[in-house]
């Protein structure tokens, strides 16, 4: 098979590991910079052009879409879907997972437990918003934030009001969430491939930082999930339709609380922490789905 990794940077660890795994399984690997593609929409012949040529002969794609180009990246993945090319993650699922508000609404509707969350546009509601999420303290998240950027812990009512009012003034879209004190600055990243959790790690925030992201200096430790945590991770990925996912959750007194489902989860941190070859598991999953003729294509 000819498998394309959609990545804007071929030197990234995750991209290189996927290429390596594809070739080790005897397939042809190509890296396509989706930001350099253009889409030809004409009649019944959807086409993607890249480096002056129409892309042909691709059997499957593995999207690695950066948050800054989500809309265009989803359009490229959707074009591949229209061309009947298998994708490990649907364009619609990528879009759902990237919209923090929409993803929280979908998870809540599916019965997946999440931190208490509010969204509002009226500055006069600040005091009520803080109380609703049992604050202070509260967590304030920009909808467009990623890797811990745009996430603020407001420890007092005054600090919360100042931050919320500032975001209102900037016309920024943000969520306000309860602060789960018992998580002690740590979260769990569960890596889902298909219908299985293939690896998991506990991420502890750097000293003095409540954010646990490894990009922010956090530390990862391999763990074995409880049955409840594994069920929560699979339910969250399934609700958003993300079949290769990094599911982030908090351990709370009322059980696991899902924070986010990442549709382009990085491999470096979790492979290094768990010593599990996740890249190969993704390729095995792809092979099994194509062999079973379970095409992952959708209409626009």
C-alpha atoms as a PDB file:
ATOM      1  CA  UNK A   1       0.000   0.000   0.000  1.00  0.00           C
ATOM      2  CA  UNK A   2       0.942   3.616  -0.449  1.00  0.00           C
ATOM      3  CA  UNK A   3       0.259   5.490   2.776  1.00  0.00           C
ATOM      4  CA  UNK A   4       0.541   9.251   3.106  1.00  0.00           C
ATOM      5  CA  UNK A   5       1.234  11.079   6.352  1.00  0.00           C
ATOM      6  CA  UNK A   6      -0.275  14.558   6.171  1.00  0.00           C
ATOM      7  CA  UNK A   7       2.248  16.700   8.019  1.00  0.00           C
ATOM      8  CA  UNK A   8       3.524  20.233   7.623  1.00  0.00           C
ATOM      9  CA  UNK A   9       6.913  19.234   9.067  1.00  0.00           C
ATOM     10  CA  UNK A  10       8.554  15.945   8.024  1.00  0.00           C
ATOM     11  CA  UNK A  11      11.213  16.335  10.744  1.00  0.00           C
ATOM     12  CA  UNK A  12       8.726  16.005  13.620  1.00  0.00           C
ATOM     13  CA  UNK A  13       9.134  12.918  15.800  1.00  0.00           C
ATOM     14  CA  UNK A  14       5.574  11.695  15.220  1.00  0.00           C
ATOM     15  CA  UNK A  15       5.868  12.060  11.449  1.00  0.00           C
ATOM     16  CA  UNK A  16       9.202  10.250  11.321  1.00  0.00           C
ATOM     17  CA  UNK A  17       7.964   7.415  13.554  1.00  0.00           C
ATOM     18  CA  UNK A  18       4.881   6.861  11.381  1.00  0.00           C
ATOM     19  CA  UNK A  19       6.991   6.821   8.206  1.00  0.00           C
ATOM     20  CA  UNK A  20       9.340   4.335   9.868  1.00  0.00           C
ATOM     21  CA  UNK A  21       6.452   2.089  10.945  1.00  0.00           C
ATOM     22  CA  UNK A  22       4.858   2.205   7.477  1.00  0.00           C
ATOM     23  CA  UNK A  23       8.090   1.127   5.809  1.00  0.00           C
ATOM     24  CA  UNK A  24       8.787  -1.587   8.409  1.00  0.00           C
ATOM     25  CA  UNK A  25       5.408  -3.101   7.547  1.00  0.00           C
ATOM     26  CA  UNK A  26       6.426  -3.268   3.874  1.00  0.00           C
ATOM     27  CA  UNK A  27       4.408  -0.319   2.595  1.00  0.00           C
ATOM     28  CA  UNK A  28       5.406   2.820   0.719  1.00  0.00           C
ATOM     29  CA  UNK A  29       5.388   5.966   2.848  1.00  0.00           C
ATOM     30  CA  UNK A  30       5.045   9.525   1.585  1.00  0.00           C
ATOM     31  CA  UNK A  31       4.809  12.754   3.533  1.00  0.00           C
ATOM     32  CA  UNK A  32       2.460  15.366   2.113  1.00  0.00           C
ATOM     33  CA  UNK A  33       2.494  18.917   3.444  1.00  0.00           C
ATOM     34  CA  UNK A  34      -1.243  19.548   3.468  1.00  0.00           C
ATOM     35  CA  UNK A  35      -0.704  23.321   3.788  1.00  0.00           C
ATOM     36  CA  UNK A  36       0.909  23.271   0.336  1.00  0.00           C
ATOM     37  CA  UNK A  37      -1.930  21.384  -1.358  1.00  0.00           C
ATOM     38  CA  UNK A  38      -4.766  22.922  -3.312  1.00  0.00           C
ATOM     39  CA  UNK A  39      -8.127  21.368  -3.964  1.00  0.00           C
ATOM     40  CA  UNK A  40      -9.747  21.194  -7.361  1.00  0.00           C
ATOM     41  CA  UNK A  41     -13.506  20.951  -7.045  1.00  0.00           C
ATOM     42  CA  UNK A  42     -14.943  20.176 -10.449  1.00  0.00           C
ATOM     43  CA  UNK A  43     -17.884  17.996 -11.395  1.00  0.00           C
ATOM     44  CA  UNK A  44     -17.589  14.476 -10.036  1.00  0.00           C
ATOM     45  CA  UNK A  45     -13.788  14.305 -10.059  1.00  0.00           C
ATOM     46  CA  UNK A  46     -12.395  15.690  -6.779  1.00  0.00           C
ATOM     47  CA  UNK A  47      -8.656  16.319  -7.108  1.00  0.00           C
ATOM     48  CA  UNK A  48      -5.811  17.373  -4.841  1.00  0.00           C
ATOM     49  CA  UNK A  49      -2.749  18.956  -6.420  1.00  0.00           C
ATOM     50  CA  UNK A  50       0.617  19.023  -4.691  1.00  0.00           C
ATOM     51  CA  UNK A  51       3.926  20.260  -6.056  1.00  0.00           C
ATOM     52  CA  UNK A  52       2.396  20.811  -9.474  1.00  0.00           C
ATOM     53  CA  UNK A  53       0.873  17.346  -9.833  1.00  0.00           C
ATOM     54  CA  UNK A  54      -2.420  15.655  -9.050  1.00  0.00           C
ATOM     55  CA  UNK A  55      -2.131  13.262  -6.127  1.00  0.00           C
ATOM     56  CA  UNK A  56      -2.966   9.715  -7.228  1.00  0.00           C
ATOM     57  CA  UNK A  57      -2.394   6.179  -6.028  1.00  0.00           C
ATOM     58  CA  UNK A  58      -2.803   6.864  -2.309  1.00  0.00           C
ATOM     59  CA  UNK A  59      -4.459   3.990  -0.433  1.00  0.00           C
ATOM     60  CA  UNK A  60      -4.663   5.626   3.008  1.00  0.00           C
ATOM     61  CA  UNK A  61      -3.789   8.800   4.858  1.00  0.00           C
ATOM     62  CA  UNK A  62      -2.785   9.521   8.440  1.00  0.00           C
ATOM     63  CA  UNK A  63      -3.682  13.160   9.168  1.00  0.00           C
ATOM     64  CA  UNK A  64      -1.378  15.163  11.435  1.00  0.00           C
ATOM     65  CA  UNK A  65      -3.212  18.487  11.281  1.00  0.00           C
ATOM     66  CA  UNK A  66      -1.884  21.414  13.336  1.00  0.00           C
ATOM     67  CA  UNK A  67      -4.377  23.512  15.272  1.00  0.00           C
ATOM     68  CA  UNK A  68      -3.435  26.689  13.396  1.00  0.00           C
ATOM     69  CA  UNK A  69      -4.624  25.183  10.087  1.00  0.00           C
ATOM     70  CA  UNK A  70      -7.550  23.096  11.305  1.00  0.00           C
ATOM     71  CA  UNK A  71     -10.102  24.408   8.806  1.00  0.00           C
ATOM     72  CA  UNK A  72      -7.873  23.989   5.764  1.00  0.00           C
ATOM     73  CA  UNK A  73      -6.486  20.691   7.005  1.00  0.00           C
ATOM     74  CA  UNK A  74     -10.009  19.337   7.439  1.00  0.00           C
ATOM     75  CA  UNK A  75     -10.833  20.438   3.895  1.00  0.00           C
ATOM     76  CA  UNK A  76      -7.848  18.475   2.566  1.00  0.00           C
ATOM     77  CA  UNK A  77      -8.819  15.365   4.548  1.00  0.00           C
ATOM     78  CA  UNK A  78     -12.415  15.735   3.317  1.00  0.00           C
ATOM     79  CA  UNK A  79     -11.163  15.889  -0.277  1.00  0.00           C
ATOM     80  CA  UNK A  80      -9.281  12.622   0.251  1.00  0.00           C
ATOM     81  CA  UNK A  81     -12.492  11.133   1.663  1.00  0.00           C
ATOM     82  CA  UNK A  82     -14.350  12.183  -1.484  1.00  0.00           C
ATOM     83  CA  UNK A  83     -11.590  10.454  -3.463  1.00  0.00           C
ATOM     84  CA  UNK A  84     -12.427   7.247  -1.502  1.00  0.00           C
ATOM     85  CA  UNK A  85      -9.084   7.216   0.306  1.00  0.00           C
ATOM     86  CA  UNK A  86      -9.090   5.630   3.775  1.00  0.00           C
ATOM     87  CA  UNK A  87      -8.245   7.976   6.640  1.00  0.00           C
ATOM     88  CA  UNK A  88      -7.407   7.058  10.214  1.00  0.00           C
ATOM     89  CA  UNK A  89      -9.337  10.129  11.408  1.00  0.00           C
ATOM     90  CA  UNK A  90     -12.310  11.647   9.611  1.00  0.00           C
ATOM     91  CA  UNK A  91     -12.372  15.343   8.772  1.00  0.00           C
ATOM     92  CA  UNK A  92     -15.595  15.740  10.734  1.00  0.00           C
ATOM     93  CA  UNK A  93     -14.038  14.132  13.804  1.00  0.00           C
ATOM     94  CA  UNK A  94     -11.012  16.432  13.613  1.00  0.00           C
ATOM     95  CA  UNK A  95     -13.295  19.468  13.478  1.00  0.00           C
ATOM     96  CA  UNK A  96     -15.387  18.276  16.420  1.00  0.00           C
ATOM     97  CA  UNK A  97     -12.368  17.557  18.601  1.00  0.00           C
ATOM     98  CA  UNK A  98     -10.737  20.929  17.888  1.00  0.00           C
ATOM     99  CA  UNK A  99     -13.795  22.933  18.936  1.00  0.00           C
ATOM    100  CA  UNK A 100     -13.545  22.836  22.740  1.00  0.00           C
ATOM    101  CA  UNK A 101     -17.110  23.997  23.311  1.00  0.00           C
ATOM    102  CA  UNK A 102     -18.646  21.679  20.730  1.00  0.00           C
ATOM    103  CA  UNK A 103     -16.627  18.706  21.957  1.00  0.00           C
ATOM    104  CA  UNK A 104     -17.757  19.320  25.550  1.00  0.00           C
ATOM    105  CA  UNK A 105     -21.384  19.499  24.408  1.00  0.00           C
ATOM    106  CA  UNK A 106     -21.041  16.237  22.463  1.00  0.00           C
ATOM    107  CA  UNK A 107     -19.332  14.471  25.376  1.00  0.00           C
ATOM    108  CA  UNK A 108     -21.993  15.642  27.822  1.00  0.00           C
ATOM    109  CA  UNK A 109     -24.779  14.479  25.501  1.00  0.00           C
ATOM    110  CA  UNK A 110     -23.097  11.060  25.256  1.00  0.00           C
ATOM    111  CA  UNK A 111     -23.064  10.748  29.036  1.00  0.00           C
ATOM    112  CA  UNK A 112     -19.293  11.127  29.343  1.00  0.00           C
ATOM    113  CA  UNK A 113     -18.302  12.783  32.618  1.00  0.00           C
ATOM    114  CA  UNK A 114     -16.526  16.128  32.209  1.00  0.00           C
ATOM    115  CA  UNK A 115     -15.539  18.959  34.565  1.00  0.00           C
ATOM    116  CA  UNK A 116     -18.386  21.398  35.230  1.00  0.00           C
ATOM    117  CA  UNK A 117     -18.092  23.913  32.390  1.00  0.00           C
ATOM    118  CA  UNK A 118     -19.810  27.176  31.456  1.00  0.00           C
ATOM    119  CA  UNK A 119     -19.730  29.373  28.369  1.00  0.00           C
ATOM    120  CA  UNK A 120     -21.119  32.902  28.233  1.00  0.00           C
ATOM    121  CA  UNK A 121     -20.822  36.212  26.377  1.00  0.00           C
ATOM    122  CA  UNK A 122     -22.274  38.664  28.928  1.00  0.00           C
ATOM    123  CA  UNK A 123     -19.729  40.382  31.233  1.00  0.00           C
ATOM    124  CA  UNK A 124     -22.415  41.112  33.819  1.00  0.00           C
ATOM    125  CA  UNK A 125     -22.655  37.386  34.568  1.00  0.00           C
ATOM    126  CA  UNK A 126     -19.124  37.040  35.979  1.00  0.00           C
ATOM    127  CA  UNK A 127     -20.075  36.457  39.636  1.00  0.00           C
ATOM    128  CA  UNK A 128     -22.692  33.870  38.701  1.00  0.00           C
ATOM    129  CA  UNK A 129     -20.298  32.060  36.354  1.00  0.00           C
ATOM    130  CA  UNK A 130     -17.662  31.687  39.068  1.00  0.00           C
ATOM    131  CA  UNK A 131     -20.187  30.316  41.559  1.00  0.00           C
ATOM    132  CA  UNK A 132     -21.695  27.848  39.091  1.00  0.00           C
ATOM    133  CA  UNK A 133     -18.355  26.048  38.682  1.00  0.00           C
ATOM    134  CA  UNK A 134     -17.788  25.988  42.445  1.00  0.00           C
ATOM    135  CA  UNK A 135     -15.137  28.683  42.324  1.00  0.00           C
ATOM    136  CA  UNK A 136     -12.868  30.141  43.216  1.00  0.00           C
ATOM    137  CA  UNK A 137     -10.475  28.805  42.121  1.00  0.00           C
ATOM    138  CA  UNK A 138     -11.542  28.287  38.490  1.00  0.00           C
ATOM    139  CA  UNK A 139      -9.873  27.297  35.238  1.00  0.00           C
ATOM    140  CA  UNK A 140     -10.308  29.668  32.289  1.00  0.00           C
ATOM    141  CA  UNK A 141      -9.555  28.271  28.818  1.00  0.00           C
ATOM    142  CA  UNK A 142      -9.403  29.995  25.465  1.00  0.00           C
ATOM    143  CA  UNK A 143     -11.268  27.928  22.881  1.00  0.00           C
ATOM    144  CA  UNK A 144      -8.325  28.246  20.508  1.00  0.00           C
ATOM    145  CA  UNK A 145      -5.623  27.301  23.035  1.00  0.00           C
ATOM    146  CA  UNK A 146      -3.439  24.187  22.771  1.00  0.00           C
ATOM    147  CA  UNK A 147      -0.628  22.464  24.701  1.00  0.00           C
ATOM    148  CA  UNK A 148      -1.482  24.450  27.815  1.00  0.00           C
ATOM    149  CA  UNK A 149      -1.315  27.854  26.106  1.00  0.00           C
ATOM    150  CA  UNK A 150      -4.374  29.986  26.834  1.00  0.00           C
ATOM    151  CA  UNK A 151      -5.213  28.157  30.080  1.00  0.00           C
ATOM    152  CA  UNK A 152      -5.342  30.208  33.280  1.00  0.00           C
ATOM    153  CA  UNK A 153      -5.830  29.197  36.899  1.00  0.00           C
ATOM    154  CA  UNK A 154      -7.599  31.992  38.798  1.00  0.00           C
ATOM    155  CA  UNK A 155      -7.229  31.266  42.514  1.00  0.00           C
ATOM    156  CA  UNK A 156      -9.378  34.094  43.900  1.00  0.00           C
ATOM    157  CA  UNK A 157     -12.656  35.718  42.945  1.00  0.00           C
ATOM    158  CA  UNK A 158     -10.817  38.958  42.182  1.00  0.00           C
ATOM    159  CA  UNK A 159      -8.328  37.198  39.900  1.00  0.00           C
ATOM    160  CA  UNK A 160     -11.118  35.263  38.172  1.00  0.00           C
ATOM    161  CA  UNK A 161     -13.177  38.400  37.579  1.00  0.00           C
ATOM    162  CA  UNK A 162     -10.164  40.292  36.232  1.00  0.00           C
ATOM    163  CA  UNK A 163      -9.224  37.509  33.817  1.00  0.00           C
ATOM    164  CA  UNK A 164     -12.782  36.898  32.635  1.00  0.00           C
ATOM    165  CA  UNK A 165     -13.467  40.596  32.145  1.00  0.00           C
ATOM    166  CA  UNK A 166     -10.182  40.964  30.235  1.00  0.00           C
ATOM    167  CA  UNK A 167     -11.141  38.102  27.912  1.00  0.00           C
ATOM    168  CA  UNK A 168     -14.601  39.591  27.451  1.00  0.00           C
ATOM    169  CA  UNK A 169     -12.948  42.900  26.576  1.00  0.00           C
ATOM    170  CA  UNK A 170     -10.783  41.204  23.951  1.00  0.00           C
ATOM    171  CA  UNK A 171     -13.896  39.505  22.535  1.00  0.00           C
ATOM    172  CA  UNK A 172     -12.161  36.177  23.066  1.00  0.00           C
ATOM    173  CA  UNK A 173     -14.138  32.950  23.236  1.00  0.00           C
ATOM    174  CA  UNK A 174     -13.383  30.975  26.377  1.00  0.00           C
ATOM    175  CA  UNK A 175     -14.717  28.380  28.772  1.00  0.00           C
ATOM    176  CA  UNK A 176     -14.783  28.490  32.555  1.00  0.00           C
ATOM    177  CA  UNK A 177     -14.301  25.160  34.302  1.00  0.00           C
ATOM    178  CA  UNK A 178     -14.232  23.907  37.839  1.00  0.00           C
ATOM    179  CA  UNK A 179     -10.841  23.372  39.431  1.00  0.00           C
ATOM    180  CA  UNK A 180     -10.401  19.740  40.454  1.00  0.00           C
ATOM    181  CA  UNK A 181      -8.110  20.140  43.458  1.00  0.00           C
ATOM    182  CA  UNK A 182      -7.709  16.420  44.136  1.00  0.00           C
ATOM    183  CA  UNK A 183      -5.989  15.895  40.773  1.00  0.00           C
ATOM    184  CA  UNK A 184      -3.003  17.765  42.282  1.00  0.00           C
ATOM    185  CA  UNK A 185      -1.759  19.209  39.010  1.00  0.00           C
ATOM    186  CA  UNK A 186      -1.736  15.878  37.199  1.00  0.00           C
ATOM    187  CA  UNK A 187      -3.794  14.296  34.444  1.00  0.00           C
ATOM    188  CA  UNK A 188      -3.902  11.065  32.477  1.00  0.00           C
ATOM    189  CA  UNK A 189      -3.231  10.709  28.766  1.00  0.00           C
ATOM    190  CA  UNK A 190      -4.796   7.539  27.368  1.00  0.00           C
ATOM    191  CA  UNK A 191      -3.863   6.660  23.807  1.00  0.00           C
ATOM    192  CA  UNK A 192      -6.720   5.031  21.902  1.00  0.00           C
ATOM    193  CA  UNK A 193      -6.307   3.103  18.659  1.00  0.00           C
ATOM    194  CA  UNK A 194      -9.549   1.702  17.302  1.00  0.00           C
ATOM    195  CA  UNK A 195     -11.473   0.177  20.178  1.00  0.00           C
ATOM    196  CA  UNK A 196      -8.511  -0.256  22.513  1.00  0.00           C
ATOM    197  CA  UNK A 197      -6.491   1.832  24.929  1.00  0.00           C
ATOM    198  CA  UNK A 198      -2.968   0.839  23.841  1.00  0.00           C
ATOM    199  CA  UNK A 199      -0.967   2.982  26.283  1.00  0.00           C
ATOM    200  CA  UNK A 200      -1.465   5.387  29.161  1.00  0.00           C
ATOM    201  CA  UNK A 201       0.629   7.746  31.238  1.00  0.00           C
ATOM    202  CA  UNK A 202       0.131  10.048  34.179  1.00  0.00           C
ATOM    203  CA  UNK A 203       1.422  13.551  33.494  1.00  0.00           C
ATOM    204  CA  UNK A 204       2.478  15.611  36.481  1.00  0.00           C
ATOM    205  CA  UNK A 205       2.804  19.365  36.081  1.00  0.00           C
ATOM    206  CA  UNK A 206       6.115  21.069  36.688  1.00  0.00           C
ATOM    207  CA  UNK A 207       6.587  22.506  40.159  1.00  0.00           C
ATOM    208  CA  UNK A 208       4.447  25.626  40.538  1.00  0.00           C
ATOM    209  CA  UNK A 209       2.449  24.911  37.358  1.00  0.00           C
ATOM    210  CA  UNK A 210      -1.009  23.325  37.486  1.00  0.00           C
ATOM    211  CA  UNK A 211      -0.802  22.409  33.790  1.00  0.00           C
ATOM    212  CA  UNK A 212       0.464  18.884  33.187  1.00  0.00           C
ATOM    213  CA  UNK A 213       1.370  19.173  29.485  1.00  0.00           C
ATOM    214  CA  UNK A 214       4.793  17.672  28.736  1.00  0.00           C
ATOM    215  CA  UNK A 215       5.386  20.655  26.428  1.00  0.00           C
ATOM    216  CA  UNK A 216       5.141  22.849  29.539  1.00  0.00           C
ATOM    217  CA  UNK A 217       7.789  20.904  31.451  1.00  0.00           C
ATOM    218  CA  UNK A 218       5.546  18.228  32.923  1.00  0.00           C
ATOM    219  CA  UNK A 219       6.749  14.704  33.700  1.00  0.00           C
ATOM    220  CA  UNK A 220       5.195  11.492  32.384  1.00  0.00           C
ATOM    221  CA  UNK A 221       4.945   8.176  34.208  1.00  0.00           C
ATOM    222  CA  UNK A 222       3.493   4.952  32.728  1.00  0.00           C
ATOM    223  CA  UNK A 223       0.317   3.722  34.418  1.00  0.00           C
ATOM    224  CA  UNK A 224      -2.312   1.013  34.142  1.00  0.00           C
ATOM    225  CA  UNK A 225      -5.799   2.469  33.874  1.00  0.00           C
ATOM    226  CA  UNK A 226      -8.641   1.337  36.065  1.00  0.00           C
ATOM    227  CA  UNK A 227     -11.603  -0.250  34.278  1.00  0.00           C
ATOM    228  CA  UNK A 228     -13.571   2.970  34.843  1.00  0.00           C
ATOM    229  CA  UNK A 229     -10.798   5.131  33.351  1.00  0.00           C
ATOM    230  CA  UNK A 230     -10.420   2.854  30.336  1.00  0.00           C
ATOM    231  CA  UNK A 231     -14.177   2.912  29.742  1.00  0.00           C
ATOM    232  CA  UNK A 232     -14.189   6.720  29.975  1.00  0.00           C
ATOM    233  CA  UNK A 233     -11.357   7.073  27.446  1.00  0.00           C
ATOM    234  CA  UNK A 234     -13.024   4.765  24.929  1.00  0.00           C
ATOM    235  CA  UNK A 235     -16.436   6.390  25.412  1.00  0.00           C
ATOM    236  CA  UNK A 236     -14.972   9.870  24.832  1.00  0.00           C
ATOM    237  CA  UNK A 237     -13.101   8.863  21.654  1.00  0.00           C
ATOM    238  CA  UNK A 238     -16.187   7.063  20.363  1.00  0.00           C
ATOM    239  CA  UNK A 239     -18.494  10.017  21.098  1.00  0.00           C
ATOM    240  CA  UNK A 240     -16.358  12.339  18.973  1.00  0.00           C
ATOM    241  CA  UNK A 241     -15.654   9.725  16.304  1.00  0.00           C
ATOM    242  CA  UNK A 242     -11.870   9.912  16.771  1.00  0.00           C
ATOM    243  CA  UNK A 243     -10.452   6.437  16.272  1.00  0.00           C
ATOM    244  CA  UNK A 244      -6.796   7.320  16.843  1.00  0.00           C
ATOM    245  CA  UNK A 245      -6.869   9.654  19.820  1.00  0.00           C
ATOM    246  CA  UNK A 246      -5.096  11.005  22.841  1.00  0.00           C
ATOM    247  CA  UNK A 247      -7.725  11.287  25.568  1.00  0.00           C
ATOM    248  CA  UNK A 248      -6.902  13.534  28.521  1.00  0.00           C
ATOM    249  CA  UNK A 249      -8.688  13.058  31.834  1.00  0.00           C
ATOM    250  CA  UNK A 250      -8.504  14.112  35.460  1.00  0.00           C
ATOM    251  CA  UNK A 251      -8.766  11.780  38.426  1.00  0.00           C
ATOM    252  CA  UNK A 252     -11.455  13.175  40.719  1.00  0.00           C
ATOM    253  CA  UNK A 253     -13.401  12.108  43.795  1.00  0.00           C
ATOM    254  CA  UNK A 254     -16.357  11.316  41.526  1.00  0.00           C
ATOM    255  CA  UNK A 255     -14.365   9.327  38.970  1.00  0.00           C
ATOM    256  CA  UNK A 256     -12.480  10.209  35.764  1.00  0.00           C
ATOM    257  CA  UNK A 257     -13.391  13.524  34.136  1.00  0.00           C
ATOM    258  CA  UNK A 258     -12.606  13.930  30.433  1.00  0.00           C
ATOM    259  CA  UNK A 259     -10.905  17.195  29.523  1.00  0.00           C
ATOM    260  CA  UNK A 260     -10.056  16.757  25.858  1.00  0.00           C
ATOM    261  CA  UNK A 261      -9.866  14.318  22.960  1.00  0.00           C
ATOM    262  CA  UNK A 262      -6.860  15.065  20.760  1.00  0.00           C
ATOM    263  CA  UNK A 263      -7.237  13.961  17.132  1.00  0.00           C
ATOM    264  CA  UNK A 264      -3.527  14.442  16.303  1.00  0.00           C
ATOM    265  CA  UNK A 265      -1.862  13.187  19.487  1.00  0.00           C
ATOM    266  CA  UNK A 266       1.910  13.369  19.661  1.00  0.00           C
ATOM    267  CA  UNK A 267       3.828  10.100  19.895  1.00  0.00           C
ATOM    268  CA  UNK A 268       7.103  11.214  21.410  1.00  0.00           C
ATOM    269  CA  UNK A 269       6.066  11.679  25.031  1.00  0.00           C
ATOM    270  CA  UNK A 270       3.950   8.563  25.376  1.00  0.00           C
ATOM    271  CA  UNK A 271       6.295   6.265  23.436  1.00  0.00           C
ATOM    272  CA  UNK A 272       9.256   7.424  25.510  1.00  0.00           C
ATOM    273  CA  UNK A 273       7.298   7.059  28.752  1.00  0.00           C
ATOM    274  CA  UNK A 274       5.695   3.678  28.089  1.00  0.00           C
ATOM    275  CA  UNK A 275       8.204   2.082  25.674  1.00  0.00           C
ATOM    276  CA  UNK A 276       5.253   1.011  23.528  1.00  0.00           C
ATOM    277  CA  UNK A 277       5.578   1.159  19.724  1.00  0.00           C
ATOM    278  CA  UNK A 278       2.366   3.083  19.131  1.00  0.00           C
ATOM    279  CA  UNK A 279       3.277   4.047  15.562  1.00  0.00           C
ATOM    280  CA  UNK A 280       3.265   0.370  14.538  1.00  0.00           C
ATOM    281  CA  UNK A 281      -0.059  -0.196  16.309  1.00  0.00           C
ATOM    282  CA  UNK A 282      -1.576   2.625  14.238  1.00  0.00           C
ATOM    283  CA  UNK A 283      -0.348   1.023  11.005  1.00  0.00           C
ATOM    284  CA  UNK A 284      -1.653  -2.390  12.107  1.00  0.00           C
ATOM    285  CA  UNK A 285      -5.048  -0.816  12.815  1.00  0.00           C
ATOM    286  CA  UNK A 286      -5.037   0.822   9.378  1.00  0.00           C
ATOM    287  CA  UNK A 287      -4.177  -2.500   7.687  1.00  0.00           C
ATOM    288  CA  UNK A 288      -6.963  -4.340   9.495  1.00  0.00           C
ATOM    289  CA  UNK A 289      -9.570  -1.739   8.581  1.00  0.00           C
ATOM    290  CA  UNK A 290      -8.615  -1.694   4.914  1.00  0.00           C
ATOM    291  CA  UNK A 291      -8.485  -5.504   4.771  1.00  0.00           C
ATOM    292  CA  UNK A 292     -11.984  -5.646   6.252  1.00  0.00           C
ATOM    293  CA  UNK A 293     -13.048  -3.038   3.668  1.00  0.00           C
ATOM    294  CA  UNK A 294     -14.191  -0.703   6.419  1.00  0.00           C
ATOM    295  CA  UNK A 295     -13.658   2.462   4.451  1.00  0.00           C
ATOM    296  CA  UNK A 296     -13.601   5.614   6.530  1.00  0.00           C
ATOM    297  CA  UNK A 297     -15.119   7.960   3.999  1.00  0.00           C
ATOM    298  CA  UNK A 298     -17.898  10.487   4.416  1.00  0.00           C
ATOM    299  CA  UNK A 299     -19.878  12.898   2.353  1.00  0.00           C
ATOM    300  CA  UNK A 300     -19.384  16.633   2.627  1.00  0.00           C
END
